[in-house]
Structure formats: C-alpha cells, structure tokens
Amino acid sequence: MYRSLFPRDLFAELDRLQRDVQQAFDLSPTIRGIGRGGFPALNVGATPQSIELYAFAPGLDPASIDVQIDRGVLSLSGRRASSLPSGNGGEAKERPVVHINERFAGEFRRTVSLPDDADPDAVTAGYRDGVLRVSVQRRASAQPRRITVQ
C-alpha cells in the first residue's frame, strides 16, 4: 500500500511554517510595511520655530506614555496591553487559538535625535484621538530674523 511522505494539505502546512518563521524573526508585515519594532509609527518634521513629532499610538492611556529629553535625544516609551482574550472562561484552561495577530502589544521605546538648536526647556506634549504630538521649540538665537539695512 502506498503512503505519502507529505502531509495531506501541503499548502496549509507551508502557510503554518511561514507564519512560524515570520513570528520567530519578527518579520510580520503590517499596514506600515515595517516590522513590529516600529511601534508607534512616527512622523517628524520641522518649522523655523519648532520640531514637531507625531506618534500614531491608538488605544494607549496618555498616563502610560513617557516622554523624555536627554542630551539632544527625545525618547518615547510606554506599554500597550494585549487585546487578545486570555482564555480563562472558567470551564477549561484552554488558550484561544489566534490565527492572525497584527496589533502590537507590549513595551515600546522610540528615540529621535534632535538638532542642536532644540530647546529642551520648551517642550509640549498632547495626546488626542490616538495621536501623540510633541513640539520642541527652537532656541531664540537660532530663529531666522530679518535685519534692516540702514
């Protein structure tokens, strides 16, 4: 009698293997096209008066976000709780099977180097609708100014 050396559903097995490898190397794709090390997604820009940083972090408690400036480096850190069910439904201690998990959970830390003219004493931060906005003013001596010709 003939027995196959391959599992009956080869494609399902290959799909499982691919998910295992992606999870092991943290290469899972996201909407942003980068791995999980990129949470929260950042936009950083500048005006003549300030450096503006936007961190897209929906679902966070603003009190859990820590913003610090130390020697020209702005650091954002915090923790995002998992939204997956725990499986403690009472009857059995079975964990739920998760087929896709693309939402980041856990601790995060992002750092951004600031330009030399950033004023660490003039920083504001606000969180609204899942977006953290940090504004760092530039020093007055670095502001562009118009000089009148006599």
Protein backbone atom coordinates (compact mmCIF):
# COMPACT_ATOMS: atom_id res chain seq x y z
CA MET A 1 0.00 0.00 0.00
CA TYR A 2 1.26 3.48 -0.87
CA ARG A 3 1.81 6.06 1.92
CA SER A 4 2.58 9.67 1.21
CA LEU A 5 5.61 11.26 2.82
CA PHE A 6 3.90 14.65 2.73
CA PRO A 7 1.03 15.89 4.87
CA ARG A 8 -2.37 15.75 3.22
CA ASP A 9 -2.64 19.53 2.99
CA LEU A 10 0.80 20.63 1.90
CA PHE A 11 -0.22 24.26 1.33
CA ALA A 12 -1.71 24.61 4.82
CA GLU A 13 1.49 23.19 6.26
CA LEU A 14 3.61 25.64 4.24
CA ASP A 15 1.42 28.52 5.38
CA ARG A 16 1.86 27.46 9.03
CA LEU A 17 5.63 27.19 8.53
CA GLN A 18 5.77 30.68 7.00
CA ARG A 19 3.82 32.16 9.97
CA ASP A 20 6.15 30.42 12.43
CA VAL A 21 9.25 31.81 10.67
CA GLN A 22 7.78 35.33 10.49
CA GLN A 23 6.91 35.24 14.17
CA ALA A 24 10.34 33.88 15.14
CA PHE A 25 12.18 36.60 13.26
CA ASP A 26 9.55 39.28 13.90
CA LEU A 27 9.13 39.90 10.17
CA SER A 28 5.36 40.03 10.14
CA PRO A 29 4.04 42.63 7.72
CA THR A 30 1.91 45.49 8.95
CA ILE A 31 -0.05 48.29 7.33
CA ARG A 32 3.07 50.47 7.56
CA GLY A 33 5.19 47.83 5.81
CA ILE A 34 7.70 47.54 8.65
CA GLY A 35 8.17 45.05 11.45
CA ARG A 36 6.82 45.33 14.95
CA GLY A 37 9.86 47.25 16.19
CA GLY A 38 8.31 50.33 14.62
CA PHE A 39 5.52 50.98 17.12
CA PRO A 40 4.36 53.66 17.33
CA ALA A 41 4.70 54.95 13.79
CA LEU A 42 6.35 58.39 13.77
CA ASN A 43 6.19 61.48 11.61
CA VAL A 44 8.89 64.05 12.37
CA GLY A 45 9.04 67.46 10.77
CA ALA A 46 10.30 70.96 11.43
CA THR A 47 9.25 74.56 11.09
CA PRO A 48 11.52 77.57 11.56
CA GLN A 49 10.18 77.83 15.14
CA SER A 50 9.90 74.17 16.26
CA ILE A 51 10.48 70.48 15.73
CA GLU A 52 7.19 68.57 15.51
CA LEU A 53 6.84 64.87 16.26
CA TYR A 54 3.63 62.88 15.77
CA ALA A 55 3.39 59.35 17.19
CA PHE A 56 0.42 57.31 15.99
CA ALA A 57 -0.49 55.18 19.01
CA PRO A 58 -4.23 54.47 19.24
CA GLY A 59 -5.58 52.74 22.30
CA LEU A 60 -2.97 53.95 24.75
CA ASP A 61 -3.66 55.61 28.08
CA PRO A 62 -1.92 59.02 27.95
CA ALA A 63 -0.68 58.46 31.51
CA SER A 64 1.23 55.35 30.33
CA ILE A 65 3.33 57.32 27.82
CA ASP A 66 6.69 58.61 29.00
CA VAL A 67 8.34 61.44 27.03
CA GLN A 68 11.91 62.46 27.95
CA ILE A 69 14.69 64.59 26.51
CA ASP A 70 18.27 63.84 27.47
CA ARG A 71 21.32 65.32 25.73
CA GLY A 72 19.56 66.06 22.47
CA VAL A 73 17.66 62.76 22.25
CA LEU A 74 13.87 62.63 22.56
CA SER A 75 12.59 59.28 23.90
CA LEU A 76 9.05 57.96 23.84
CA SER A 77 8.27 54.84 25.85
CA GLY A 78 5.30 53.07 27.29
CA ARG A 79 3.29 49.89 27.33
CA ARG A 80 0.29 48.70 25.36
CA ALA A 81 -1.84 45.95 26.89
CA SER A 82 -2.83 42.96 24.80
CA SER A 83 -6.37 42.89 23.47
CA LEU A 84 -6.40 39.13 22.94
CA PRO A 85 -8.75 37.04 25.08
CA SER A 86 -6.99 35.34 27.98
CA GLY A 87 -8.86 32.05 27.76
CA ASN A 88 -9.87 32.00 31.43
CA GLY A 89 -13.53 31.34 30.65
CA GLY A 90 -13.97 29.15 33.70
CA GLU A 91 -14.60 25.71 32.18
CA ALA A 92 -11.22 24.69 30.85
CA LYS A 93 -7.79 26.26 30.86
CA GLU A 94 -7.58 26.28 27.08
CA ARG A 95 -5.94 29.21 25.41
CA PRO A 96 -7.78 30.59 22.40
CA VAL A 97 -6.29 29.88 19.01
CA VAL A 98 -5.07 33.09 17.37
CA HIS A 99 -4.87 32.93 13.59
CA ILE A 100 -3.69 36.48 12.90
CA ASN A 101 -2.27 38.97 15.40
CA GLU A 102 -1.17 42.23 13.77
CA ARG A 103 -1.79 44.57 16.69
CA PHE A 104 1.31 45.39 18.71
CA ALA A 105 1.17 44.64 22.44
CA GLY A 106 3.93 45.06 24.98
CA GLU A 107 6.54 47.64 25.86
CA PHE A 108 7.84 50.07 23.28
CA ARG A 109 10.58 52.67 23.05
CA ARG A 110 11.34 55.06 20.19
CA THR A 111 14.13 57.62 20.12
CA VAL A 112 14.73 60.61 17.86
CA SER A 113 17.89 62.73 17.73
CA LEU A 114 17.08 66.43 17.91
CA PRO A 115 19.02 69.19 16.16
CA ASP A 116 21.45 71.32 18.17
CA ASP A 117 19.12 74.33 18.22
CA ALA A 118 16.29 72.45 20.01
CA ASP A 119 15.39 73.97 23.40
CA PRO A 120 14.90 71.14 25.95
CA ASP A 121 13.17 73.59 28.31
CA ALA A 122 10.41 74.44 25.80
CA VAL A 123 8.64 71.14 25.12
CA THR A 124 4.90 70.47 24.99
CA ALA A 125 3.16 67.12 24.54
CA GLY A 126 -0.50 66.30 23.99
CA TYR A 127 -2.45 63.14 23.17
CA ARG A 128 -5.69 63.28 21.22
CA ASP A 129 -7.57 60.74 19.10
CA GLY A 130 -4.71 58.22 19.28
CA VAL A 131 -2.03 60.68 18.17
CA LEU A 132 0.71 61.97 20.46
CA ARG A 133 2.04 65.36 19.38
CA VAL A 134 5.33 66.56 20.82
CA SER A 135 6.52 70.04 19.96
CA VAL A 136 10.07 71.14 20.79
CA GLN A 137 10.73 74.85 20.32
CA ARG A 138 13.95 76.04 18.75
CA ARG A 139 16.20 78.39 20.72
CA ALA A 140 15.53 82.08 20.11
CA SER A 141 19.12 82.61 18.97
CA ALA A 142 18.56 80.10 16.14
CA GLN A 143 15.33 81.70 14.89
CA PRO A 144 15.54 83.33 11.49
CA ARG A 145 15.31 87.09 11.70
CA ARG A 146 15.28 89.90 9.26
CA ILE A 147 17.97 92.51 9.58
CA THR A 148 17.12 96.01 8.46
CA VAL A 149 19.68 97.63 6.23
CA GLN A 150 20.36 101.25 7.23
